[in-house]
Amino acid sequence: MAKKKTTERREWTATDIHKLKGLAKKKAGVDKIARVLKRTVAATAVKASNLGVSLDTRG
């Protein structure tokens, strides 16, 4: 039987949050923000929601 891959959670640093807010303000989109932060789209969306940051890309 194959070994199950375990995921290691990384804490959100102040720098990560600052980048998230800055990119969201520029309306970068959740896909790009997640790639820059090296996190999943879901983790990025949840954190933005918890911070009250909108990831809406509409002008």
N, C-alpha and C. Protein backbone atom coordinates (compact mmCIF):
# COMPACT_ATOMS: atom_id res chain seq x y z
N MET A 1 0.83 -1.18 0.00
CA MET A 1 0.00 0.00 0.00
C MET A 1 0.88 1.25 0.00
N ALA A 2 0.52 2.24 -0.80
CA ALA A 2 1.31 3.46 -0.92
C ALA A 2 1.16 4.32 0.33
N LYS A 3 2.23 5.03 0.64
CA LYS A 3 2.17 5.93 1.79
C LYS A 3 1.30 7.14 1.46
N LYS A 4 0.56 7.56 2.44
CA LYS A 4 -0.32 8.71 2.26
C LYS A 4 0.52 9.99 2.43
N LYS A 5 0.36 10.91 1.49
CA LYS A 5 1.11 12.17 1.56
C LYS A 5 0.49 13.06 2.63
N THR A 6 1.31 13.52 3.54
CA THR A 6 0.80 14.42 4.58
C THR A 6 1.08 15.86 4.18
N THR A 7 0.14 16.71 4.50
CA THR A 7 0.33 18.11 4.19
C THR A 7 0.83 18.85 5.42
N GLU A 8 1.72 19.76 5.19
CA GLU A 8 2.27 20.53 6.29
C GLU A 8 1.72 21.95 6.19
N ARG A 9 1.04 22.38 7.22
CA ARG A 9 0.45 23.71 7.21
C ARG A 9 1.50 24.76 7.52
N ARG A 10 1.40 25.87 6.80
CA ARG A 10 2.31 26.99 7.05
C ARG A 10 1.50 28.13 7.64
N GLU A 11 2.04 28.77 8.63
CA GLU A 11 1.38 29.91 9.24
C GLU A 11 1.39 31.09 8.28
N TRP A 12 0.39 31.94 8.39
CA TRP A 12 0.32 33.15 7.58
C TRP A 12 1.17 34.22 8.27
N THR A 13 2.21 34.69 7.61
CA THR A 13 3.06 35.73 8.18
C THR A 13 2.47 37.10 7.87
N ALA A 14 2.97 38.11 8.53
CA ALA A 14 2.52 39.48 8.28
C ALA A 14 2.84 39.88 6.84
N THR A 15 3.95 39.38 6.31
CA THR A 15 4.33 39.67 4.93
C THR A 15 3.34 39.04 3.96
N ASP A 16 2.93 37.80 4.22
CA ASP A 16 1.94 37.14 3.38
C ASP A 16 0.63 37.92 3.35
N ILE A 17 0.18 38.37 4.51
CA ILE A 17 -1.07 39.12 4.59
C ILE A 17 -0.95 40.45 3.86
N HIS A 18 0.20 41.10 3.99
CA HIS A 18 0.43 42.37 3.31
C HIS A 18 0.39 42.18 1.80
N LYS A 19 1.02 41.12 1.29
CA LYS A 19 1.00 40.83 -0.14
C LYS A 19 -0.41 40.52 -0.61
N LEU A 20 -1.13 39.73 0.18
CA LEU A 20 -2.51 39.37 -0.15
C LEU A 20 -3.38 40.62 -0.31
N LYS A 21 -3.29 41.51 0.66
CA LYS A 21 -4.09 42.74 0.62
C LYS A 21 -3.69 43.63 -0.55
N GLY A 22 -2.39 43.74 -0.81
CA GLY A 22 -1.91 44.57 -1.91
C GLY A 22 -2.35 44.06 -3.27
N LEU A 23 -2.23 42.76 -3.48
CA LEU A 23 -2.64 42.17 -4.76
C LEU A 23 -4.15 42.21 -4.93
N ALA A 24 -4.89 42.05 -3.84
CA ALA A 24 -6.35 42.12 -3.91
C ALA A 24 -6.79 43.54 -4.29
N LYS A 25 -6.08 44.52 -3.77
CA LYS A 25 -6.41 45.92 -4.08
C LYS A 25 -6.16 46.22 -5.56
N LYS A 26 -5.16 45.54 -6.14
CA LYS A 26 -4.86 45.70 -7.57
C LYS A 26 -5.75 44.83 -8.44
N LYS A 27 -6.68 44.09 -7.80
CA LYS A 27 -7.63 43.21 -8.49
C LYS A 27 -6.90 42.14 -9.31
N ALA A 28 -5.89 41.51 -8.71
CA ALA A 28 -5.07 40.52 -9.40
C ALA A 28 -5.82 39.21 -9.64
N GLY A 29 -6.77 38.86 -8.82
CA GLY A 29 -7.48 37.59 -8.98
C GLY A 29 -6.89 36.53 -8.06
N VAL A 30 -7.76 35.66 -7.59
CA VAL A 30 -7.35 34.68 -6.59
C VAL A 30 -6.32 33.69 -7.13
N ASP A 31 -6.39 33.34 -8.40
CA ASP A 31 -5.42 32.40 -8.97
C ASP A 31 -4.00 32.96 -8.92
N LYS A 32 -3.85 34.20 -9.35
CA LYS A 32 -2.53 34.82 -9.37
C LYS A 32 -2.00 35.05 -7.95
N ILE A 33 -2.88 35.50 -7.06
CA ILE A 33 -2.47 35.75 -5.68
C ILE A 33 -1.99 34.45 -5.04
N ALA A 34 -2.72 33.37 -5.24
CA ALA A 34 -2.34 32.07 -4.67
C ALA A 34 -0.98 31.62 -5.20
N ARG A 35 -0.74 31.83 -6.49
CA ARG A 35 0.53 31.44 -7.10
C ARG A 35 1.69 32.25 -6.49
N VAL A 36 1.48 33.55 -6.32
CA VAL A 36 2.53 34.42 -5.76
C VAL A 36 2.85 34.01 -4.32
N LEU A 37 1.81 33.68 -3.55
CA LEU A 37 2.00 33.32 -2.15
C LEU A 37 2.39 31.85 -1.96
N LYS A 38 2.39 31.07 -3.06
CA LYS A 38 2.70 29.63 -3.02
C LYS A 38 1.74 28.92 -2.06
N ARG A 39 0.44 29.22 -2.24
CA ARG A 39 -0.61 28.59 -1.46
C ARG A 39 -1.71 28.14 -2.39
N THR A 40 -2.63 27.34 -1.88
CA THR A 40 -3.73 26.89 -2.71
C THR A 40 -4.75 28.02 -2.88
N VAL A 41 -5.55 27.90 -3.92
CA VAL A 41 -6.60 28.89 -4.18
C VAL A 41 -7.58 28.90 -3.01
N ALA A 42 -7.93 27.72 -2.51
CA ALA A 42 -8.88 27.64 -1.40
C ALA A 42 -8.34 28.30 -0.13
N ALA A 43 -7.08 28.05 0.19
CA ALA A 43 -6.48 28.65 1.39
C ALA A 43 -6.43 30.16 1.27
N THR A 44 -6.13 30.64 0.08
CA THR A 44 -6.06 32.08 -0.16
C THR A 44 -7.44 32.71 -0.02
N ALA A 45 -8.44 32.07 -0.60
CA ALA A 45 -9.81 32.60 -0.53
C ALA A 45 -10.33 32.62 0.90
N VAL A 46 -10.05 31.57 1.66
CA VAL A 46 -10.50 31.50 3.05
C VAL A 46 -9.84 32.59 3.89
N LYS A 47 -8.55 32.78 3.71
CA LYS A 47 -7.83 33.80 4.48
C LYS A 47 -8.34 35.19 4.14
N ALA A 48 -8.57 35.45 2.86
CA ALA A 48 -9.10 36.75 2.44
C ALA A 48 -10.47 36.99 3.06
N SER A 49 -11.29 35.96 3.07
CA SER A 49 -12.62 36.07 3.66
C SER A 49 -12.53 36.37 5.15
N ASN A 50 -11.65 35.68 5.84
CA ASN A 50 -11.47 35.91 7.28
C ASN A 50 -10.97 37.32 7.58
N LEU A 51 -10.18 37.88 6.66
CA LEU A 51 -9.66 39.24 6.84
C LEU A 51 -10.64 40.30 6.35
N GLY A 52 -11.69 39.86 5.67
CA GLY A 52 -12.65 40.81 5.12
C GLY A 52 -12.17 41.49 3.86
N VAL A 53 -11.28 40.81 3.12
CA VAL A 53 -10.71 41.34 1.90
C VAL A 53 -11.46 40.76 0.72
N SER A 54 -11.90 41.62 -0.19
CA SER A 54 -12.61 41.15 -1.37
C SER A 54 -11.62 40.74 -2.46
N LEU A 55 -11.87 39.60 -3.08
CA LEU A 55 -11.03 39.13 -4.18
C LEU A 55 -11.76 39.31 -5.52
N ASP A 56 -12.77 40.15 -5.53
CA ASP A 56 -13.55 40.43 -6.74
C ASP A 56 -12.66 41.17 -7.74
N THR A 57 -12.65 40.71 -8.99
CA THR A 57 -11.79 41.32 -10.01
C THR A 57 -12.55 42.30 -10.89
N ARG A 58 -13.83 42.46 -10.64
CA ARG A 58 -14.59 43.41 -11.47
C ARG A 58 -14.22 44.83 -11.11
N GLY A 59 -14.15 45.68 -12.13
CA GLY A 59 -13.73 47.07 -11.98
C GLY A 59 -14.69 47.89 -11.26
